[in-house]
Amino acid sequence: MEPQGLIIWLVIGAVAGWLAGQIVKGGGFGLVGDIIVGIIGSVLGGWLFGTYVVGTGGILGAIIASTLGAIILLFILRLIKRA
């Protein structure tokens, strides 16, 4: 992976993690935690939704799919944390 691609991936992960934290509520995980949640969410979102299901490609589609994946991940993490 090129350095440029890695930086874009981290930015999309940070945006998706932050958006998911704002939507799900209950405090975020900080910048590094949001990036990690966003990156894992982007993998989960890409696997679950893909760019064809979301309906748009490019960075916007990646942010939408990543955010949806991160929301699902945060929901699962908060369920585990409560138990």
N, C-alpha and C. Protein backbone atom coordinates (compact mmCIF):
# COMPACT_ATOMS: atom_id res chain seq x y z
N MET A 1 0.85 -1.17 0.00
CA MET A 1 0.00 0.00 0.00
C MET A 1 0.89 1.24 0.00
N GLU A 2 0.54 2.18 -0.81
CA GLU A 2 1.30 3.42 -0.89
C GLU A 2 1.00 4.29 0.33
N PRO A 3 1.94 5.17 0.70
CA PRO A 3 1.69 6.06 1.85
C PRO A 3 0.45 6.92 1.67
N GLN A 4 0.18 7.36 0.46
CA GLN A 4 -1.00 8.17 0.19
C GLN A 4 -2.28 7.38 0.47
N GLY A 5 -2.32 6.14 0.05
CA GLY A 5 -3.48 5.29 0.28
C GLY A 5 -3.68 5.02 1.77
N LEU A 6 -2.59 4.84 2.49
CA LEU A 6 -2.67 4.60 3.93
C LEU A 6 -3.23 5.82 4.65
N ILE A 7 -2.79 7.01 4.25
CA ILE A 7 -3.28 8.24 4.87
C ILE A 7 -4.78 8.41 4.59
N ILE A 8 -5.20 8.15 3.36
CA ILE A 8 -6.62 8.25 3.02
C ILE A 8 -7.43 7.26 3.84
N TRP A 9 -6.93 6.05 3.98
CA TRP A 9 -7.59 5.00 4.76
C TRP A 9 -7.74 5.44 6.22
N LEU A 10 -6.69 6.03 6.79
CA LEU A 10 -6.75 6.50 8.17
C LEU A 10 -7.73 7.66 8.33
N VAL A 11 -7.76 8.56 7.36
CA VAL A 11 -8.69 9.69 7.44
C VAL A 11 -10.14 9.20 7.34
N ILE A 12 -10.40 8.29 6.42
CA ILE A 12 -11.75 7.73 6.30
C ILE A 12 -12.12 6.99 7.58
N GLY A 13 -11.18 6.26 8.15
CA GLY A 13 -11.44 5.56 9.41
C GLY A 13 -11.73 6.52 10.55
N ALA A 14 -10.99 7.62 10.61
CA ALA A 14 -11.21 8.61 11.67
C ALA A 14 -12.57 9.27 11.51
N VAL A 15 -12.92 9.64 10.28
CA VAL A 15 -14.22 10.27 10.03
C VAL A 15 -15.35 9.30 10.36
N ALA A 16 -15.23 8.07 9.89
CA ALA A 16 -16.27 7.07 10.15
C ALA A 16 -16.40 6.77 11.64
N GLY A 17 -15.28 6.65 12.33
CA GLY A 17 -15.32 6.40 13.78
C GLY A 17 -15.94 7.56 14.54
N TRP A 18 -15.59 8.79 14.14
CA TRP A 18 -16.17 9.96 14.80
C TRP A 18 -17.67 10.05 14.54
N LEU A 19 -18.08 9.85 13.28
CA LEU A 19 -19.50 9.89 12.95
C LEU A 19 -20.28 8.82 13.71
N ALA A 20 -19.73 7.63 13.77
CA ALA A 20 -20.39 6.55 14.49
C ALA A 20 -20.51 6.88 15.97
N GLY A 21 -19.47 7.47 16.55
CA GLY A 21 -19.52 7.87 17.95
C GLY A 21 -20.57 8.94 18.20
N GLN A 22 -20.76 9.85 17.25
CA GLN A 22 -21.78 10.89 17.38
C GLN A 22 -23.19 10.31 17.24
N ILE A 23 -23.34 9.33 16.38
CA ILE A 23 -24.66 8.74 16.13
C ILE A 23 -25.07 7.81 17.26
N VAL A 24 -24.15 6.98 17.74
CA VAL A 24 -24.46 5.99 18.75
C VAL A 24 -24.56 6.62 20.14
N LYS A 25 -23.88 7.70 20.38
CA LYS A 25 -23.84 8.42 21.65
C LYS A 25 -23.10 7.62 22.72
N GLY A 26 -22.84 8.26 23.82
CA GLY A 26 -22.23 7.57 24.95
C GLY A 26 -20.73 7.73 25.02
N GLY A 27 -20.18 8.81 24.50
CA GLY A 27 -18.74 9.04 24.60
C GLY A 27 -17.95 8.25 23.59
N GLY A 28 -16.96 8.90 23.05
CA GLY A 28 -16.11 8.25 22.06
C GLY A 28 -14.95 7.53 22.72
N PHE A 29 -14.04 7.08 21.90
CA PHE A 29 -12.86 6.37 22.37
C PHE A 29 -11.60 7.21 22.19
N GLY A 30 -11.75 8.50 21.91
CA GLY A 30 -10.60 9.34 21.62
C GLY A 30 -10.21 9.21 20.17
N LEU A 31 -9.24 10.00 19.74
CA LEU A 31 -8.86 10.02 18.33
C LEU A 31 -8.35 8.66 17.86
N VAL A 32 -7.42 8.08 18.61
CA VAL A 32 -6.86 6.78 18.19
C VAL A 32 -7.92 5.70 18.23
N GLY A 33 -8.74 5.71 19.28
CA GLY A 33 -9.82 4.72 19.38
C GLY A 33 -10.83 4.86 18.26
N ASP A 34 -11.17 6.12 17.91
CA ASP A 34 -12.10 6.36 16.81
C ASP A 34 -11.52 5.88 15.48
N ILE A 35 -10.23 6.09 15.28
CA ILE A 35 -9.59 5.61 14.05
C ILE A 35 -9.64 4.09 13.99
N ILE A 36 -9.34 3.44 15.10
CA ILE A 36 -9.35 1.98 15.13
C ILE A 36 -10.76 1.44 14.90
N VAL A 37 -11.75 2.03 15.59
CA VAL A 37 -13.14 1.61 15.39
C VAL A 37 -13.57 1.87 13.95
N GLY A 38 -13.16 3.01 13.39
CA GLY A 38 -13.51 3.33 12.01
C GLY A 38 -12.87 2.38 11.00
N ILE A 39 -11.62 2.02 11.22
CA ILE A 39 -10.95 1.09 10.30
C ILE A 39 -11.57 -0.30 10.38
N ILE A 40 -11.82 -0.77 11.60
CA ILE A 40 -12.48 -2.07 11.74
C ILE A 40 -13.90 -1.99 11.18
N GLY A 41 -14.56 -0.85 11.42
CA GLY A 41 -15.89 -0.64 10.86
C GLY A 41 -15.88 -0.60 9.35
N SER A 42 -14.82 -0.05 8.75
CA SER A 42 -14.74 -0.01 7.30
C SER A 42 -14.57 -1.40 6.72
N VAL A 43 -13.83 -2.24 7.39
CA VAL A 43 -13.71 -3.63 6.94
C VAL A 43 -15.06 -4.33 7.07
N LEU A 44 -15.71 -4.13 8.23
CA LEU A 44 -17.02 -4.74 8.46
C LEU A 44 -18.05 -4.18 7.48
N GLY A 45 -18.06 -2.86 7.30
CA GLY A 45 -19.01 -2.24 6.37
C GLY A 45 -18.78 -2.65 4.93
N GLY A 46 -17.51 -2.74 4.54
CA GLY A 46 -17.20 -3.19 3.18
C GLY A 46 -17.64 -4.62 2.95
N TRP A 47 -17.49 -5.45 3.98
CA TRP A 47 -17.89 -6.84 3.86
C TRP A 47 -19.42 -6.96 3.84
N LEU A 48 -20.10 -6.20 4.70
CA LEU A 48 -21.56 -6.30 4.78
C LEU A 48 -22.27 -5.59 3.63
N PHE A 49 -21.83 -4.39 3.31
CA PHE A 49 -22.58 -3.56 2.37
C PHE A 49 -21.94 -3.46 1.00
N GLY A 50 -20.65 -3.33 0.96
CA GLY A 50 -19.98 -3.13 -0.32
C GLY A 50 -20.39 -1.80 -0.93
N THR A 51 -19.71 -1.37 -1.97
CA THR A 51 -20.03 -0.09 -2.57
C THR A 51 -21.29 -0.16 -3.42
N TYR A 52 -21.67 -1.34 -3.90
CA TYR A 52 -22.86 -1.43 -4.73
C TYR A 52 -24.14 -1.31 -3.91
N VAL A 53 -24.14 -1.83 -2.70
CA VAL A 53 -25.33 -1.76 -1.87
C VAL A 53 -25.54 -0.34 -1.38
N VAL A 54 -24.47 0.36 -1.00
CA VAL A 54 -24.58 1.72 -0.52
C VAL A 54 -25.08 2.63 -1.64
N GLY A 55 -24.72 2.36 -2.87
CA GLY A 55 -25.27 3.09 -3.99
C GLY A 55 -24.35 4.17 -4.54
N THR A 56 -23.22 4.39 -3.93
CA THR A 56 -22.29 5.39 -4.44
C THR A 56 -20.88 4.87 -4.25
N GLY A 57 -20.01 5.26 -5.11
CA GLY A 57 -18.63 4.81 -5.01
C GLY A 57 -17.73 5.92 -4.50
N GLY A 58 -16.47 5.70 -4.58
CA GLY A 58 -15.50 6.71 -4.20
C GLY A 58 -15.41 6.90 -2.69
N ILE A 59 -14.91 8.06 -2.32
CA ILE A 59 -14.68 8.33 -0.90
C ILE A 59 -16.00 8.44 -0.14
N LEU A 60 -17.02 9.05 -0.74
CA LEU A 60 -18.31 9.17 -0.06
C LEU A 60 -18.90 7.80 0.24
N GLY A 61 -18.85 6.90 -0.72
CA GLY A 61 -19.33 5.54 -0.51
C GLY A 61 -18.54 4.82 0.56
N ALA A 62 -17.22 5.04 0.57
CA ALA A 62 -16.37 4.41 1.59
C ALA A 62 -16.70 4.95 2.97
N ILE A 63 -16.95 6.26 3.08
CA ILE A 63 -17.30 6.84 4.37
C ILE A 63 -18.65 6.32 4.86
N ILE A 64 -19.62 6.22 3.95
CA ILE A 64 -20.94 5.72 4.34
C ILE A 64 -20.85 4.27 4.80
N ALA A 65 -20.20 3.42 4.01
CA ALA A 65 -20.07 2.01 4.38
C ALA A 65 -19.26 1.86 5.66
N SER A 66 -18.19 2.64 5.81
CA SER A 66 -17.37 2.57 7.02
C SER A 66 -18.14 3.02 8.23
N THR A 67 -18.92 4.08 8.09
CA THR A 67 -19.71 4.58 9.21
C THR A 67 -20.77 3.56 9.63
N LEU A 68 -21.44 2.97 8.67
CA LEU A 68 -22.44 1.94 9.00
C LEU A 68 -21.79 0.75 9.70
N GLY A 69 -20.63 0.33 9.21
CA GLY A 69 -19.90 -0.76 9.87
C GLY A 69 -19.45 -0.38 11.27
N ALA A 70 -18.98 0.86 11.44
CA ALA A 70 -18.53 1.32 12.75
C ALA A 70 -19.70 1.44 13.72
N ILE A 71 -20.88 1.85 13.23
CA ILE A 71 -22.06 1.92 14.09
C ILE A 71 -22.42 0.53 14.59
N ILE A 72 -22.41 -0.44 13.70
CA ILE A 72 -22.69 -1.82 14.10
C ILE A 72 -21.66 -2.30 15.11
N LEU A 73 -20.39 -1.99 14.85
CA LEU A 73 -19.32 -2.39 15.77
C LEU A 73 -19.49 -1.74 17.14
N LEU A 74 -19.79 -0.43 17.17
CA LEU A 74 -19.99 0.26 18.45
C LEU A 74 -21.18 -0.31 19.20
N PHE A 75 -22.24 -0.62 18.49
CA PHE A 75 -23.42 -1.21 19.12
C PHE A 75 -23.07 -2.54 19.78
N ILE A 76 -22.31 -3.36 19.08
CA ILE A 76 -21.89 -4.66 19.63
C ILE A 76 -20.96 -4.46 20.82
N LEU A 77 -19.99 -3.53 20.70
CA LEU A 77 -19.07 -3.27 21.81
C LEU A 77 -19.80 -2.77 23.05
N ARG A 78 -20.79 -1.92 22.87
CA ARG A 78 -21.54 -1.41 24.02
C ARG A 78 -22.42 -2.48 24.64
N LEU A 79 -22.94 -3.41 23.82
CA LEU A 79 -23.70 -4.53 24.38
C LEU A 79 -22.79 -5.42 25.22
N ILE A 80 -21.59 -5.66 24.74
CA ILE A 80 -20.63 -6.51 25.48
C ILE A 80 -20.21 -5.81 26.75
N LYS A 81 -20.00 -4.49 26.67
CA LYS A 81 -19.55 -3.71 27.84
C LYS A 81 -20.60 -3.73 28.95
N ARG A 82 -21.87 -3.71 28.58
CA ARG A 82 -22.96 -3.73 29.57
C ARG A 82 -23.09 -5.07 30.27
N ALA A 83 -22.74 -6.13 29.56
CA ALA A 83 -22.90 -7.49 30.12
C ALA A 83 -21.88 -7.80 31.19
